[in-house]
Amino acid sequence: MTADSPGLVDELPVLQRLALAYAPAAVRTPTLALLAFDTRLAGIVRASHEPMLAQLRLAWWREQLLAADPGWSSGDPLLRILHSWQGRLPALVALVDGWEAMTGDAPLPAEPLLALAQGRGAAFAGLAELAGVPEHGAAAAELGTSWALADLAVRLSHPDERELARSLAAERLSPRRALPRRLRPLAVLHGLARRSLRSEAAHRPAATLLAALRIGLLGR
């Protein structure tokens, strides 16, 4: 992990920090960049009381991702580590689009929840390309989408949205499948998401840690 990234790690949700621990050194920085960027976008949407303000900030990020030569300041650690995506930043545009879909009035219908989940899945497919395992891109997109819906079922504040996300996640629950070691954090996130949908006991911290350890070591 880069020396200037501890603050970004601390900002991640607990399960994402746990999953990141299983990222090989070669892909740890771009994996952190993806998770930290997703967390930053979530914060923009959550903190903006006016949808238009959130949309303006998200539009800025979209423009930067698509710029041929982003003139980013080095003052923000997230901006620095996003450079680790080495010209593949457009793969993260779908993630911005997905979070923008979440700026509507609550309770949100299924479409924006699916848009965000698919945007997260597309970002993990981009990570597979960056990690040198493009043949696993489709699996990464599927498992990323499945994890994202289960994650929304826990994190959304509106009870109707949480229930809808849980229903969508159950309908689209992907089977466990082997992923290369460079995508091990996604395997951990997806495996824990499957457990959270299948059993209330899965939410116990000790059980979660044991499951993460098993998936992190064995890959499934």
C-alpha atoms as a PDB file:
ATOM      1  CA  MET A   1       0.000   0.000   0.000  1.00  0.00           C
ATOM      2  CA  THR A   2       1.324   3.427  -0.783  1.00  0.00           C
ATOM      3  CA  ALA A   3       2.792   5.418   2.071  1.00  0.00           C
ATOM      4  CA  ASP A   4       0.350   8.280   1.570  1.00  0.00           C
ATOM      5  CA  SER A   5      -2.834   6.207   1.639  1.00  0.00           C
ATOM      6  CA  PRO A   6      -3.590   5.296   5.298  1.00  0.00           C
ATOM      7  CA  GLY A   7      -6.217   8.032   5.521  1.00  0.00           C
ATOM      8  CA  LEU A   8      -8.026   6.637   2.498  1.00  0.00           C
ATOM      9  CA  VAL A   9      -8.006   3.160   3.995  1.00  0.00           C
ATOM     10  CA  ASP A  10      -9.477   4.500   7.234  1.00  0.00           C
ATOM     11  CA  GLU A  11     -12.341   6.102   5.275  1.00  0.00           C
ATOM     12  CA  LEU A  12     -13.430   2.781   3.772  1.00  0.00           C
ATOM     13  CA  PRO A  13     -16.343   0.813   5.253  1.00  0.00           C
ATOM     14  CA  VAL A  14     -15.127  -1.941   7.568  1.00  0.00           C
ATOM     15  CA  LEU A  15     -15.783  -4.842   5.198  1.00  0.00           C
ATOM     16  CA  GLN A  16     -14.001  -3.086   2.350  1.00  0.00           C
ATOM     17  CA  ARG A  17     -10.955  -2.506   4.574  1.00  0.00           C
ATOM     18  CA  LEU A  18     -11.059  -6.191   5.436  1.00  0.00           C
ATOM     19  CA  ALA A  19     -11.271  -7.196   1.771  1.00  0.00           C
ATOM     20  CA  LEU A  20      -8.464  -4.828   0.773  1.00  0.00           C
ATOM     21  CA  ALA A  21      -6.115  -6.662   3.138  1.00  0.00           C
ATOM     22  CA  TYR A  22      -6.134  -9.590   0.683  1.00  0.00           C
ATOM     23  CA  ALA A  23      -5.078  -7.547  -2.346  1.00  0.00           C
ATOM     24  CA  PRO A  24      -1.636  -8.585  -3.632  1.00  0.00           C
ATOM     25  CA  ALA A  25       0.959  -5.819  -3.543  1.00  0.00           C
ATOM     26  CA  ALA A  26       0.964  -5.510  -7.344  1.00  0.00           C
ATOM     27  CA  VAL A  27      -2.673  -4.364  -7.429  1.00  0.00           C
ATOM     28  CA  ARG A  28      -3.188  -2.978  -3.943  1.00  0.00           C
ATOM     29  CA  THR A  29      -3.012   0.673  -4.948  1.00  0.00           C
ATOM     30  CA  PRO A  30      -5.491   0.490  -7.882  1.00  0.00           C
ATOM     31  CA  THR A  31      -7.818  -1.644  -5.745  1.00  0.00           C
ATOM     32  CA  LEU A  32      -7.689   0.956  -2.986  1.00  0.00           C
ATOM     33  CA  ALA A  33      -8.238   3.666  -5.605  1.00  0.00           C
ATOM     34  CA  LEU A  34     -11.439   1.966  -6.772  1.00  0.00           C
ATOM     35  CA  LEU A  35     -12.813   1.411  -3.275  1.00  0.00           C
ATOM     36  CA  ALA A  36     -11.839   4.896  -2.083  1.00  0.00           C
ATOM     37  CA  PHE A  37     -13.330   6.527  -5.168  1.00  0.00           C
ATOM     38  CA  ASP A  38     -16.595   4.640  -4.654  1.00  0.00           C
ATOM     39  CA  THR A  39     -16.606   5.782  -1.023  1.00  0.00           C
ATOM     40  CA  ARG A  40     -15.958   9.391  -2.054  1.00  0.00           C
ATOM     41  CA  LEU A  41     -18.822   9.359  -4.547  1.00  0.00           C
ATOM     42  CA  ALA A  42     -21.131   7.847  -1.944  1.00  0.00           C
ATOM     43  CA  GLY A  43     -20.202  10.656   0.407  1.00  0.00           C
ATOM     44  CA  ILE A  44     -21.022  13.274  -2.230  1.00  0.00           C
ATOM     45  CA  VAL A  45     -24.509  11.853  -2.712  1.00  0.00           C
ATOM     46  CA  ARG A  46     -25.132  11.355   0.999  1.00  0.00           C
ATOM     47  CA  ALA A  47     -23.972  14.831   2.033  1.00  0.00           C
ATOM     48  CA  SER A  48     -25.724  16.851  -0.683  1.00  0.00           C
ATOM     49  CA  HIS A  49     -29.215  17.910   0.332  1.00  0.00           C
ATOM     50  CA  GLU A  50     -29.852  19.340  -3.134  1.00  0.00           C
ATOM     51  CA  PRO A  51     -29.633  16.810  -5.999  1.00  0.00           C
ATOM     52  CA  MET A  52     -28.248  19.443  -8.354  1.00  0.00           C
ATOM     53  CA  LEU A  53     -25.257  20.098  -6.082  1.00  0.00           C
ATOM     54  CA  ALA A  54     -24.407  16.410  -6.037  1.00  0.00           C
ATOM     55  CA  GLN A  55     -24.852  16.188  -9.791  1.00  0.00           C
ATOM     56  CA  LEU A  56     -22.473  19.125 -10.340  1.00  0.00           C
ATOM     57  CA  ARG A  57     -19.775  17.531  -8.227  1.00  0.00           C
ATOM     58  CA  LEU A  58     -20.260  14.175  -9.921  1.00  0.00           C
ATOM     59  CA  ALA A  59     -20.092  15.870 -13.326  1.00  0.00           C
ATOM     60  CA  TRP A  60     -16.686  17.298 -12.377  1.00  0.00           C
ATOM     61  CA  TRP A  61     -15.409  13.814 -11.612  1.00  0.00           C
ATOM     62  CA  ARG A  62     -16.815  12.471 -14.867  1.00  0.00           C
ATOM     63  CA  GLU A  63     -15.035  15.188 -16.838  1.00  0.00           C
ATOM     64  CA  GLN A  64     -11.752  14.445 -15.085  1.00  0.00           C
ATOM     65  CA  LEU A  65     -12.002  10.731 -15.787  1.00  0.00           C
ATOM     66  CA  LEU A  66     -12.553  11.405 -19.487  1.00  0.00           C
ATOM     67  CA  ALA A  67      -9.923  14.136 -19.839  1.00  0.00           C
ATOM     68  CA  ALA A  68      -6.903  13.250 -21.958  1.00  0.00           C
ATOM     69  CA  ASP A  69      -4.578  14.879 -19.428  1.00  0.00           C
ATOM     70  CA  PRO A  70      -6.301  15.538 -16.087  1.00  0.00           C
ATOM     71  CA  GLY A  71      -4.589  18.452 -14.406  1.00  0.00           C
ATOM     72  CA  TRP A  72      -5.103  17.051 -10.932  1.00  0.00           C
ATOM     73  CA  SER A  73      -3.473  18.619  -7.930  1.00  0.00           C
ATOM     74  CA  SER A  74      -1.462  16.274  -5.761  1.00  0.00           C
ATOM     75  CA  GLY A  75      -3.053  17.665  -2.598  1.00  0.00           C
ATOM     76  CA  ASP A  76      -5.735  14.960  -2.426  1.00  0.00           C
ATOM     77  CA  PRO A  77      -4.431  11.399  -1.829  1.00  0.00           C
ATOM     78  CA  LEU A  78      -7.342  10.006  -3.841  1.00  0.00           C
ATOM     79  CA  LEU A  79      -6.349  12.038  -6.884  1.00  0.00           C
ATOM     80  CA  ARG A  80      -2.815  10.734  -6.594  1.00  0.00           C
ATOM     81  CA  ILE A  81      -3.664   7.055  -6.397  1.00  0.00           C
ATOM     82  CA  LEU A  82      -6.252   7.275  -9.176  1.00  0.00           C
ATOM     83  CA  HIS A  83      -3.273   7.770 -11.487  1.00  0.00           C
ATOM     84  CA  SER A  84      -2.517   4.090 -10.808  1.00  0.00           C
ATOM     85  CA  TRP A  85      -5.308   3.285 -13.267  1.00  0.00           C
ATOM     86  CA  GLN A  86      -2.869   4.121 -16.077  1.00  0.00           C
ATOM     87  CA  GLY A  87      -5.133   5.431 -18.786  1.00  0.00           C
ATOM     88  CA  ARG A  88      -8.071   3.194 -17.833  1.00  0.00           C
ATOM     89  CA  LEU A  89      -9.891   5.876 -15.865  1.00  0.00           C
ATOM     90  CA  PRO A  90     -12.860   5.900 -18.320  1.00  0.00           C
ATOM     91  CA  ALA A  91     -13.750   2.476 -16.889  1.00  0.00           C
ATOM     92  CA  LEU A  92     -14.823   4.337 -13.738  1.00  0.00           C
ATOM     93  CA  VAL A  93     -17.318   6.606 -15.530  1.00  0.00           C
ATOM     94  CA  ALA A  94     -20.102   4.043 -15.092  1.00  0.00           C
ATOM     95  CA  LEU A  95     -19.499   4.248 -11.347  1.00  0.00           C
ATOM     96  CA  VAL A  96     -20.061   8.019 -11.424  1.00  0.00           C
ATOM     97  CA  ASP A  97     -23.191   7.519 -13.545  1.00  0.00           C
ATOM     98  CA  GLY A  98     -24.492   4.964 -11.077  1.00  0.00           C
ATOM     99  CA  TRP A  99     -24.088   7.285  -8.119  1.00  0.00           C
ATOM    100  CA  GLU A 100     -25.725  10.099 -10.058  1.00  0.00           C
ATOM    101  CA  ALA A 101     -28.752   7.847 -10.562  1.00  0.00           C
ATOM    102  CA  MET A 102     -29.048   7.731  -6.756  1.00  0.00           C
ATOM    103  CA  THR A 103     -29.683  11.492  -6.461  1.00  0.00           C
ATOM    104  CA  GLY A 104     -33.435  11.180  -7.062  1.00  0.00           C
ATOM    105  CA  ASP A 105     -36.162  11.503  -4.454  1.00  0.00           C
ATOM    106  CA  ALA A 106     -36.660   8.717  -1.935  1.00  0.00           C
ATOM    107  CA  PRO A 107     -37.890   6.094  -2.051  1.00  0.00           C
ATOM    108  CA  LEU A 108     -35.955   5.243  -5.203  1.00  0.00           C
ATOM    109  CA  PRO A 109     -37.314   2.613  -7.613  1.00  0.00           C
ATOM    110  CA  ALA A 110     -35.322  -0.361  -8.852  1.00  0.00           C
ATOM    111  CA  GLU A 111     -33.715   1.336 -11.865  1.00  0.00           C
ATOM    112  CA  PRO A 112     -31.252   3.600 -10.013  1.00  0.00           C
ATOM    113  CA  LEU A 113     -30.294   0.833  -7.600  1.00  0.00           C
ATOM    114  CA  LEU A 114     -29.503  -1.426 -10.538  1.00  0.00           C
ATOM    115  CA  ALA A 115     -27.643   1.384 -12.306  1.00  0.00           C
ATOM    116  CA  LEU A 116     -25.369   1.856  -9.319  1.00  0.00           C
ATOM    117  CA  ALA A 117     -24.830  -1.881  -8.874  1.00  0.00           C
ATOM    118  CA  GLN A 118     -23.954  -2.290 -12.539  1.00  0.00           C
ATOM    119  CA  GLY A 119     -21.649   0.730 -12.371  1.00  0.00           C
ATOM    120  CA  ARG A 120     -19.798  -0.881  -9.493  1.00  0.00           C
ATOM    121  CA  GLY A 121     -19.629  -4.110 -11.450  1.00  0.00           C
ATOM    122  CA  ALA A 122     -18.210  -2.288 -14.481  1.00  0.00           C
ATOM    123  CA  ALA A 123     -15.543  -0.725 -12.273  1.00  0.00           C
ATOM    124  CA  PHE A 124     -14.436  -4.153 -11.082  1.00  0.00           C
ATOM    125  CA  ALA A 125     -14.342  -5.338 -14.694  1.00  0.00           C
ATOM    126  CA  GLY A 126     -12.020  -2.392 -15.358  1.00  0.00           C
ATOM    127  CA  LEU A 127      -9.887  -3.477 -12.416  1.00  0.00           C
ATOM    128  CA  ALA A 128      -9.611  -6.959 -13.950  1.00  0.00           C
ATOM    129  CA  GLU A 129      -8.269  -5.375 -17.148  1.00  0.00           C
ATOM    130  CA  LEU A 130      -5.828  -3.256 -15.177  1.00  0.00           C
ATOM    131  CA  ALA A 131      -4.711  -6.259 -13.125  1.00  0.00           C
ATOM    132  CA  GLY A 132      -3.812  -8.185 -16.274  1.00  0.00           C
ATOM    133  CA  VAL A 133      -6.639 -10.726 -16.032  1.00  0.00           C
ATOM    134  CA  PRO A 134      -9.111  -9.428 -18.661  1.00  0.00           C
ATOM    135  CA  GLU A 135     -10.502 -12.917 -19.214  1.00  0.00           C
ATOM    136  CA  HIS A 136     -12.122 -12.559 -15.791  1.00  0.00           C
ATOM    137  CA  GLY A 137     -13.734  -9.216 -16.595  1.00  0.00           C
ATOM    138  CA  ALA A 138     -17.229 -10.607 -17.136  1.00  0.00           C
ATOM    139  CA  ALA A 139     -17.094 -12.562 -13.866  1.00  0.00           C
ATOM    140  CA  ALA A 140     -15.808  -9.489 -12.033  1.00  0.00           C
ATOM    141  CA  ALA A 141     -18.693  -7.415 -13.382  1.00  0.00           C
ATOM    142  CA  GLU A 142     -21.244 -10.040 -12.340  1.00  0.00           C
ATOM    143  CA  LEU A 143     -19.856 -10.555  -8.852  1.00  0.00           C
ATOM    144  CA  GLY A 144     -19.339  -6.822  -8.374  1.00  0.00           C
ATOM    145  CA  THR A 145     -22.960  -6.149  -9.275  1.00  0.00           C
ATOM    146  CA  SER A 146     -24.173  -8.891  -6.948  1.00  0.00           C
ATOM    147  CA  TRP A 147     -22.061  -7.569  -4.062  1.00  0.00           C
ATOM    148  CA  ALA A 148     -23.204  -3.994  -4.711  1.00  0.00           C
ATOM    149  CA  LEU A 149     -26.886  -4.841  -4.354  1.00  0.00           C
ATOM    150  CA  ALA A 150     -26.275  -6.700  -1.091  1.00  0.00           C
ATOM    151  CA  ASP A 151     -24.204  -3.765   0.149  1.00  0.00           C
ATOM    152  CA  LEU A 152     -27.028  -1.351  -0.659  1.00  0.00           C
ATOM    153  CA  ALA A 153     -29.453  -3.560   1.253  1.00  0.00           C
ATOM    154  CA  VAL A 154     -27.401  -2.811   4.375  1.00  0.00           C
ATOM    155  CA  ARG A 155     -26.405   0.814   3.794  1.00  0.00           C
ATOM    156  CA  LEU A 156     -29.465   2.581   2.366  1.00  0.00           C
ATOM    157  CA  SER A 157     -31.230   4.703   4.954  1.00  0.00           C
ATOM    158  CA  HIS A 158     -34.785   4.440   3.606  1.00  0.00           C
ATOM    159  CA  PRO A 159     -36.438   1.163   4.729  1.00  0.00           C
ATOM    160  CA  ASP A 160     -38.313   0.708   1.437  1.00  0.00           C
ATOM    161  CA  GLU A 161     -35.080   1.133  -0.516  1.00  0.00           C
ATOM    162  CA  ARG A 162     -33.260  -1.329   1.728  1.00  0.00           C
ATOM    163  CA  GLU A 163     -35.989  -3.927   1.238  1.00  0.00           C
ATOM    164  CA  LEU A 164     -35.997  -3.386  -2.529  1.00  0.00           C
ATOM    165  CA  ALA A 165     -32.209  -3.694  -2.673  1.00  0.00           C
ATOM    166  CA  ARG A 166     -32.372  -6.911  -0.661  1.00  0.00           C
ATOM    167  CA  SER A 167     -34.997  -8.322  -3.009  1.00  0.00           C
ATOM    168  CA  LEU A 168     -32.945  -7.380  -6.066  1.00  0.00           C
ATOM    169  CA  ALA A 169     -29.820  -8.848  -4.514  1.00  0.00           C
ATOM    170  CA  ALA A 170     -31.575 -12.132  -3.743  1.00  0.00           C
ATOM    171  CA  GLU A 171     -32.886 -12.357  -7.306  1.00  0.00           C
ATOM    172  CA  ARG A 172     -29.459 -11.703  -8.824  1.00  0.00           C
ATOM    173  CA  LEU A 173     -27.288 -13.525  -6.310  1.00  0.00           C
ATOM    174  CA  SER A 174     -24.325 -14.858  -8.268  1.00  0.00           C
ATOM    175  CA  PRO A 175     -22.915 -18.281  -7.428  1.00  0.00           C
ATOM    176  CA  ARG A 176     -19.489 -18.496  -5.870  1.00  0.00           C
ATOM    177  CA  ARG A 177     -16.747 -18.811  -8.431  1.00  0.00           C
ATOM    178  CA  ALA A 178     -12.997 -18.828  -8.399  1.00  0.00           C
ATOM    179  CA  LEU A 179     -11.277 -15.544  -9.180  1.00  0.00           C
ATOM    180  CA  PRO A 180      -7.554 -14.977  -9.662  1.00  0.00           C
ATOM    181  CA  ARG A 181      -5.599 -13.818  -6.666  1.00  0.00           C
ATOM    182  CA  ARG A 182      -5.383 -10.297  -8.070  1.00  0.00           C
ATOM    183  CA  LEU A 183      -9.157 -10.029  -7.661  1.00  0.00           C
ATOM    184  CA  ARG A 184      -9.233 -11.611  -4.208  1.00  0.00           C
ATOM    185  CA  PRO A 185     -10.764  -8.524  -2.518  1.00  0.00           C
ATOM    186  CA  LEU A 186     -13.799  -8.848  -4.795  1.00  0.00           C
ATOM    187  CA  ALA A 187     -14.082 -12.532  -3.910  1.00  0.00           C
ATOM    188  CA  VAL A 188     -14.115 -11.576  -0.221  1.00  0.00           C
ATOM    189  CA  LEU A 189     -16.733  -8.851  -0.715  1.00  0.00           C
ATOM    190  CA  HIS A 190     -18.964 -11.130  -2.789  1.00  0.00           C
ATOM    191  CA  GLY A 191     -18.616 -14.058  -0.413  1.00  0.00           C
ATOM    192  CA  LEU A 192     -19.530 -11.957   2.609  1.00  0.00           C
ATOM    193  CA  ALA A 193     -22.462 -10.464   0.691  1.00  0.00           C
ATOM    194  CA  ARG A 194     -23.793 -13.963  -0.078  1.00  0.00           C
ATOM    195  CA  ARG A 195     -23.572 -14.872   3.588  1.00  0.00           C
ATOM    196  CA  SER A 196     -25.358 -11.690   4.689  1.00  0.00           C
ATOM    197  CA  LEU A 197     -28.294 -12.504   2.430  1.00  0.00           C
ATOM    198  CA  ARG A 198     -28.523 -16.123   3.489  1.00  0.00           C
ATOM    199  CA  SER A 199     -28.186 -15.969   7.262  1.00  0.00           C
ATOM    200  CA  GLU A 200     -28.705 -13.489  10.072  1.00  0.00           C
ATOM    201  CA  ALA A 201     -25.813 -15.196  11.875  1.00  0.00           C
ATOM    202  CA  ALA A 202     -23.563 -13.931   9.091  1.00  0.00           C
ATOM    203  CA  HIS A 203     -23.709 -10.464  10.646  1.00  0.00           C
ATOM    204  CA  ARG A 204     -21.884 -11.589  13.793  1.00  0.00           C
ATOM    205  CA  PRO A 205     -18.398 -10.017  13.777  1.00  0.00           C
ATOM    206  CA  ALA A 206     -16.575 -13.229  14.659  1.00  0.00           C
ATOM    207  CA  ALA A 207     -18.337 -15.188  11.931  1.00  0.00           C
ATOM    208  CA  THR A 208     -17.629 -12.426   9.424  1.00  0.00           C
ATOM    209  CA  LEU A 209     -13.923 -12.393  10.250  1.00  0.00           C
ATOM    210  CA  LEU A 210     -13.661 -16.171   9.947  1.00  0.00           C
ATOM    211  CA  ALA A 211     -15.490 -16.139   6.619  1.00  0.00           C
ATOM    212  CA  ALA A 212     -13.278 -13.355   5.286  1.00  0.00           C
ATOM    213  CA  LEU A 213     -10.176 -15.272   6.368  1.00  0.00           C
ATOM    214  CA  ARG A 214     -11.340 -18.427   4.608  1.00  0.00           C
ATOM    215  CA  ILE A 215     -12.284 -16.639   1.392  1.00  0.00           C
ATOM    216  CA  GLY A 216      -9.140 -14.500   1.504  1.00  0.00           C
ATOM    217  CA  LEU A 217      -6.917 -17.550   1.782  1.00  0.00           C
ATOM    218  CA  LEU A 218      -8.810 -19.977  -0.465  1.00  0.00           C
ATOM    219  CA  GLY A 219     -10.451 -17.565  -2.900  1.00  0.00           C
ATOM    220  CA  ARG A 220     -14.038 -18.790  -2.410  1.00  0.00           C
END
